């Protein structure tokens, strides 16, 4: 925009924009600037040139949430190929609240969209990081050439060993289970992250709603939890400036802090100014390996307990 206005005003506007950008940078550098002042300052950066180092700092996990969000929006106004490169590089650090905004930017230009698709194909961005709505948005905007080049990219895939395990457990779907024993299996293996009948902690997906999908879906989710992960339940790892590592699902996120939730409703809030690095692991908070404590008989009991009529 600044270049266009400079052209029609014979360069007279260039100095005005330069002064505006310099004033905005001064606001961002001043420790006493308030968050609204910083957000407004970020908006002004669209009148300057794209500086990847500057925007990388604005996208640091320690930056206030709205500053990060506004930085992504401003990045979308540039035409530089460096925008896609930076957003893709920073993607693992972006929280679930910021990723839809980043995706909107990445799909807004054909060149950036190609970079995004290439990153997904190379697994720099895993498909599990994208929700169903985001995948639908991306695929709907693909050109014919992109659709051909990346055909099958978003087909559901999962670990062959996990799939074989789910297949091996199929008899549990028709076996006669015991509700009382199934309740014990639930309390021992599931209550840390799920709540049902007043038992456990409501961290993971609602099991009463899962019941509507049927026992097949529940079995697959227990044994192959990373085949289909809602980004809301993705596990994150955060490293603080003092060297501590905090992990868990992002339960709450504000401009100044991020709260990580682990099993048994344990949580820890980290101030953004104390965050050194934060990135998604690309896997569910729900662990693999439950078959080690839930054999086929126990699985039949668990499914019977979960599927029982509670009306």
Protein backbone atom coordinates (compact mmCIF):
# COMPACT_ATOMS: atom_id res chain seq x y z
CA UNK A 1 0.00 0.00 0.00
CA UNK A 2 2.78 2.46 0.90
CA UNK A 3 4.52 1.86 -2.43
CA UNK A 4 1.30 2.49 -4.37
CA UNK A 5 0.60 5.74 -2.55
CA UNK A 6 4.19 6.84 -2.95
CA UNK A 7 3.89 6.31 -6.70
CA UNK A 8 0.73 8.43 -7.09
CA UNK A 9 2.10 11.21 -4.88
CA UNK A 10 5.51 11.34 -6.59
CA UNK A 11 7.18 9.95 -3.53
CA UNK A 12 5.90 12.58 -1.12
CA UNK A 13 4.06 10.03 1.02
CA UNK A 14 7.12 7.85 1.49
CA UNK A 15 8.58 10.01 4.24
CA UNK A 16 5.22 10.14 6.02
CA UNK A 17 4.89 6.36 6.05
CA UNK A 18 8.50 5.97 7.16
CA UNK A 19 7.83 8.26 10.11
CA UNK A 20 4.64 6.36 11.02
CA UNK A 21 6.46 3.02 10.95
CA UNK A 22 9.35 4.36 13.02
CA UNK A 23 6.91 5.70 15.61
CA UNK A 24 5.18 2.31 15.71
CA UNK A 25 8.50 0.51 16.20
CA UNK A 26 9.30 2.85 19.08
CA UNK A 27 5.98 1.93 20.73
CA UNK A 28 6.72 -1.78 20.31
CA UNK A 29 10.21 -1.37 21.76
CA UNK A 30 9.02 0.61 24.79
CA UNK A 31 8.53 -1.66 27.80
CA UNK A 32 5.82 0.57 29.27
CA UNK A 33 3.60 0.43 26.18
CA UNK A 34 0.20 -1.11 26.88
CA UNK A 35 -1.14 -4.06 24.92
CA UNK A 36 -3.72 -1.95 22.98
CA UNK A 37 -0.94 0.47 22.07
CA UNK A 38 1.19 -2.39 20.79
CA UNK A 39 -1.68 -3.84 18.78
CA UNK A 40 -2.28 -0.45 17.15
CA UNK A 41 1.44 -0.14 16.46
CA UNK A 42 1.51 -3.52 14.73
CA UNK A 43 -1.31 -2.37 12.44
CA UNK A 44 0.90 0.49 11.21
CA UNK A 45 3.64 -1.92 10.10
CA UNK A 46 1.67 -2.68 6.93
CA UNK A 47 2.85 0.70 5.63
CA UNK A 48 6.46 -0.40 5.67
CA UNK A 49 8.41 -3.26 4.11
CA UNK A 50 8.08 -6.83 5.32
CA UNK A 51 10.85 -7.53 7.82
CA UNK A 52 10.92 -11.26 8.72
CA UNK A 53 13.10 -10.72 11.79
CA UNK A 54 10.71 -8.10 13.14
CA UNK A 55 7.65 -10.26 12.60
CA UNK A 56 9.37 -13.32 14.02
CA UNK A 57 9.75 -11.39 17.28
CA UNK A 58 6.08 -10.40 17.17
CA UNK A 59 5.11 -14.08 16.78
CA UNK A 60 7.16 -15.25 19.75
CA UNK A 61 5.00 -17.20 22.25
CA UNK A 62 5.98 -14.60 24.85
CA UNK A 63 4.22 -11.86 22.87
CA UNK A 64 0.61 -11.02 23.89
CA UNK A 65 -1.97 -13.09 22.04
CA UNK A 66 -3.61 -10.12 20.28
CA UNK A 67 -0.21 -8.79 19.21
CA UNK A 68 0.54 -12.15 17.60
CA UNK A 69 -2.88 -12.26 15.94
CA UNK A 70 -2.53 -8.72 14.57
CA UNK A 71 0.98 -9.50 13.32
CA UNK A 72 -0.40 -12.41 11.28
CA UNK A 73 -3.17 -10.22 9.87
CA UNK A 74 -0.64 -7.57 8.82
CA UNK A 75 1.65 -10.20 7.29
CA UNK A 76 -1.24 -11.18 5.06
CA UNK A 77 -1.19 -7.71 3.48
CA UNK A 78 2.32 -8.18 2.08
CA UNK A 79 3.22 -10.04 -1.10
CA UNK A 80 6.63 -11.31 0.00
CA UNK A 81 7.26 -15.08 -0.27
CA UNK A 82 8.93 -14.69 3.11
CA UNK A 83 5.50 -14.40 4.73
CA UNK A 84 4.63 -18.02 3.95
CA UNK A 85 8.11 -19.16 4.90
CA UNK A 86 7.89 -17.50 8.31
CA UNK A 87 4.35 -18.64 9.09
CA UNK A 88 5.19 -22.23 8.16
CA UNK A 89 8.37 -22.11 10.22
CA UNK A 90 6.48 -20.71 13.24
CA UNK A 91 3.43 -22.98 12.81
CA UNK A 92 4.44 -25.52 15.51
CA UNK A 93 4.61 -22.65 18.03
CA UNK A 94 1.25 -21.13 17.12
CA UNK A 95 -1.58 -21.92 19.50
CA UNK A 96 -4.97 -23.28 18.35
CA UNK A 97 -6.42 -19.76 18.61
CA UNK A 98 -3.85 -18.38 16.16
CA UNK A 99 -3.69 -21.18 13.61
CA UNK A 100 -6.99 -20.34 11.83
CA UNK A 101 -5.73 -16.77 11.32
CA UNK A 102 -2.41 -18.08 10.00
CA UNK A 103 -4.19 -20.49 7.69
CA UNK A 104 -6.37 -17.68 6.33
CA UNK A 105 -3.22 -15.79 5.45
CA UNK A 106 -1.47 -18.78 3.90
CA UNK A 107 -4.38 -19.68 1.63
CA UNK A 108 -4.96 -16.09 0.52
CA UNK A 109 -2.34 -16.20 -2.27
CA UNK A 110 -1.66 -18.99 -4.76
CA UNK A 111 2.09 -18.95 -4.12
CA UNK A 112 1.68 -19.12 -0.36
CA UNK A 113 -0.92 -21.86 -0.70
CA UNK A 114 1.55 -23.91 -2.71
CA UNK A 115 4.15 -23.43 0.03
CA UNK A 116 1.60 -24.56 2.62
CA UNK A 117 0.68 -27.68 0.65
CA UNK A 118 4.34 -28.52 0.15
CA UNK A 119 4.94 -28.16 3.90
CA UNK A 120 2.01 -30.48 4.67
CA UNK A 121 3.28 -33.02 2.16
CA UNK A 122 6.76 -32.83 3.73
CA UNK A 123 5.10 -33.21 7.17
CA UNK A 124 6.56 -29.91 8.39
CA UNK A 125 2.90 -29.29 9.20
CA UNK A 126 1.04 -32.47 10.08
CA UNK A 127 -2.54 -32.86 8.92
CA UNK A 128 -3.54 -33.54 12.52
CA UNK A 129 -2.77 -29.87 13.20
CA UNK A 130 -5.62 -28.87 10.90
CA UNK A 131 -9.23 -29.21 11.93
CA UNK A 132 -11.87 -30.53 9.56
CA UNK A 133 -13.08 -27.00 8.80
CA UNK A 134 -9.55 -25.82 8.05
CA UNK A 135 -8.92 -28.76 5.71
CA UNK A 136 -12.20 -28.05 3.94
CA UNK A 137 -11.22 -24.39 3.57
CA UNK A 138 -7.84 -25.29 2.12
CA UNK A 139 -9.06 -27.94 -0.31
CA UNK A 140 -11.87 -25.70 -1.56
CA UNK A 141 -9.32 -23.05 -2.58
CA UNK A 142 -6.89 -25.39 -4.32
CA UNK A 143 -6.40 -24.82 -8.04
CA UNK A 144 -6.87 -27.71 -10.45
CA UNK A 145 -3.10 -28.12 -10.69
CA UNK A 146 -2.75 -28.13 -6.89
CA UNK A 147 -5.57 -30.65 -6.56
CA UNK A 148 -3.79 -32.98 -8.98
CA UNK A 149 -0.35 -32.49 -7.43
CA UNK A 150 -1.55 -33.07 -3.89
CA UNK A 151 -4.33 -35.59 -4.48
CA UNK A 152 -4.71 -37.91 -1.53
CA UNK A 153 -2.78 -35.56 0.78
CA UNK A 154 -5.69 -35.26 3.20
CA UNK A 155 -6.82 -38.85 3.14
CA UNK A 156 -6.86 -40.22 6.65
CA UNK A 157 -3.73 -42.20 7.42
CA UNK A 158 -2.58 -43.82 10.62
CA UNK A 159 0.09 -46.11 11.93
CA UNK A 160 -0.22 -49.56 10.39
CA UNK A 161 0.59 -51.25 13.69
CA UNK A 162 -2.19 -49.31 15.42
CA UNK A 163 -4.64 -50.18 12.67
CA UNK A 164 -3.74 -53.85 12.99
CA UNK A 165 -4.33 -53.60 16.73
CA UNK A 166 -7.79 -52.13 16.20
CA UNK A 167 -8.55 -54.97 13.78
CA UNK A 168 -7.35 -57.55 16.29
CA UNK A 169 -9.69 -56.12 18.94
CA UNK A 170 -12.80 -56.38 16.75
CA UNK A 171 -14.17 -59.40 18.72
CA UNK A 172 -14.56 -57.06 21.71
CA UNK A 173 -17.31 -55.26 19.81
CA UNK A 174 -19.62 -58.27 19.91
CA UNK A 175 -18.45 -59.95 23.10
CA UNK A 176 -20.78 -59.80 26.11
CA UNK A 177 -19.24 -57.39 28.59
CA UNK A 178 -19.88 -56.67 32.24
CA UNK A 179 -20.99 -53.14 33.17
CA UNK A 180 -19.56 -53.24 36.69
CA UNK A 181 -16.18 -54.47 35.48
CA UNK A 182 -16.27 -51.90 32.69
CA UNK A 183 -16.75 -49.12 35.22
CA UNK A 184 -13.60 -50.28 37.02
CA UNK A 185 -11.69 -50.27 33.71
CA UNK A 186 -12.92 -46.71 33.08
CA UNK A 187 -11.90 -45.49 36.54
CA UNK A 188 -8.43 -47.01 36.17
CA UNK A 189 -7.61 -46.02 32.60
CA UNK A 190 -9.90 -43.22 31.43
CA UNK A 191 -11.02 -41.12 34.39
CA UNK A 192 -7.83 -39.07 34.38
CA UNK A 193 -9.02 -37.22 31.27
CA UNK A 194 -12.69 -38.16 30.82
CA UNK A 195 -15.77 -37.76 32.96
CA UNK A 196 -18.83 -40.01 33.00
CA UNK A 197 -21.48 -40.67 35.62
CA UNK A 198 -19.80 -38.11 37.87
CA UNK A 199 -16.52 -40.01 37.77
CA UNK A 200 -13.27 -38.54 36.45
CA UNK A 201 -12.17 -35.21 34.98
CA UNK A 202 -13.75 -33.47 32.00
CA UNK A 203 -10.57 -32.73 30.05
CA UNK A 204 -10.95 -34.83 26.90
CA UNK A 205 -13.95 -35.24 24.57
CA UNK A 206 -17.38 -35.83 26.07
CA UNK A 207 -17.91 -39.61 26.17
CA UNK A 208 -21.69 -39.28 26.27
CA UNK A 209 -21.41 -37.60 22.86
CA UNK A 210 -18.90 -40.22 21.68
CA UNK A 211 -21.53 -42.85 22.42
CA UNK A 212 -23.54 -41.54 19.47
CA UNK A 213 -20.69 -42.49 17.15
CA UNK A 214 -20.91 -46.10 18.24
CA UNK A 215 -18.57 -48.65 19.85
CA UNK A 216 -16.44 -48.96 16.68
CA UNK A 217 -15.40 -45.30 16.94
CA UNK A 218 -14.69 -45.59 20.66
CA UNK A 219 -12.56 -48.70 20.13
CA UNK A 220 -10.55 -46.98 17.39
CA UNK A 221 -10.02 -43.86 19.49
CA UNK A 222 -8.80 -45.85 22.51
CA UNK A 223 -6.32 -47.97 20.56
CA UNK A 224 -5.30 -45.46 17.88
CA UNK A 225 -5.73 -42.05 19.52
CA UNK A 226 -3.61 -40.15 17.00
CA UNK A 227 -5.50 -41.23 13.89
CA UNK A 228 -8.11 -38.51 14.37
CA UNK A 229 -7.23 -35.68 16.75
CA UNK A 230 -9.26 -32.55 17.31
CA UNK A 231 -6.69 -29.70 17.50
CA UNK A 232 -8.39 -28.66 20.73
CA UNK A 233 -6.99 -31.80 22.39
CA UNK A 234 -3.48 -31.59 20.92
CA UNK A 235 -0.57 -31.84 23.33
CA UNK A 236 1.83 -28.88 23.54
CA UNK A 237 5.32 -28.55 25.00
CA UNK A 238 6.44 -25.26 26.50
CA UNK A 239 9.99 -24.41 27.56
CA UNK A 240 10.34 -21.46 29.91
CA UNK A 241 13.19 -18.97 30.09
CA UNK A 242 14.47 -20.62 33.27
CA UNK A 243 14.76 -23.99 31.51
CA UNK A 244 11.61 -25.69 32.80
CA UNK A 245 9.43 -27.75 30.47
CA UNK A 246 5.65 -27.70 30.83
CA UNK A 247 3.41 -29.87 28.67
CA UNK A 248 -0.27 -30.46 28.22
CA UNK A 249 -3.36 -29.42 26.32
CA UNK A 250 -3.96 -25.67 26.12
CA UNK A 251 -6.94 -25.20 28.40
CA UNK A 252 -7.01 -21.41 28.49
CA UNK A 253 -5.14 -18.75 26.62
CA UNK A 254 -5.09 -15.02 27.27
CA UNK A 255 -2.97 -12.18 26.00
CA UNK A 256 -0.64 -12.55 28.97
CA UNK A 257 -0.62 -16.25 29.83
CA UNK A 258 -1.17 -19.83 28.67
CA UNK A 259 -2.63 -22.54 30.88
CA UNK A 260 -1.61 -26.13 30.19
CA UNK A 261 -3.83 -28.97 31.40
CA UNK A 262 -2.59 -32.50 32.06
CA UNK A 263 -4.35 -35.66 33.16
CA UNK A 264 -6.21 -35.67 36.48
CA UNK A 265 -7.08 -31.98 35.92
CA UNK A 266 -3.58 -30.87 36.84
CA UNK A 267 -2.80 -27.51 35.31
CA UNK A 268 -0.05 -24.94 35.18
CA UNK A 269 -0.26 -21.37 33.96
CA UNK A 270 2.80 -19.83 32.35
CA UNK A 271 3.14 -16.10 31.74
CA UNK A 272 3.93 -15.29 28.13
CA UNK A 273 6.91 -13.17 29.15
CA UNK A 274 8.41 -16.34 30.69
CA UNK A 275 7.96 -18.50 27.55
CA UNK A 276 11.09 -19.29 25.56
CA UNK A 277 9.58 -21.83 23.13
CA UNK A 278 6.17 -23.41 22.67
CA UNK A 279 5.15 -25.93 20.06
CA UNK A 280 2.61 -28.62 19.32
CA UNK A 281 3.77 -32.22 19.52
CA UNK A 282 1.33 -33.14 16.76
CA UNK A 283 -0.15 -35.91 18.91
CA UNK A 284 -3.13 -36.27 21.20
CA UNK A 285 -2.97 -35.75 24.94
CA UNK A 286 -4.42 -39.26 25.11
CA UNK A 287 -1.51 -41.73 25.10
CA UNK A 288 -1.00 -44.76 22.92
CA UNK A 289 -0.44 -48.14 24.56
CA UNK A 290 -3.67 -48.63 26.52
CA UNK A 291 -3.81 -52.17 25.13
CA UNK A 292 -1.11 -52.99 27.67
CA UNK A 293 -3.63 -52.55 30.49
CA UNK A 294 -6.87 -53.19 28.61
CA UNK A 295 -7.04 -56.64 27.06
CA UNK A 296 -9.91 -57.74 24.81
CA UNK A 297 -12.10 -58.92 27.68
CA UNK A 298 -11.57 -55.64 29.53
CA UNK A 299 -12.28 -53.73 26.32
CA UNK A 300 -15.60 -55.55 25.96
CA UNK A 301 -16.43 -54.59 29.56
CA UNK A 302 -15.42 -50.96 28.95
CA UNK A 303 -17.49 -50.67 25.77
CA UNK A 304 -20.49 -52.21 27.51
CA UNK A 305 -20.19 -49.68 30.32
CA UNK A 306 -19.79 -46.72 27.95
CA UNK A 307 -22.64 -47.78 25.66
CA UNK A 308 -25.19 -48.60 28.36
CA UNK A 309 -28.49 -46.71 28.33
CA UNK A 310 -28.35 -43.78 30.80
CA UNK A 311 -31.84 -42.40 30.22
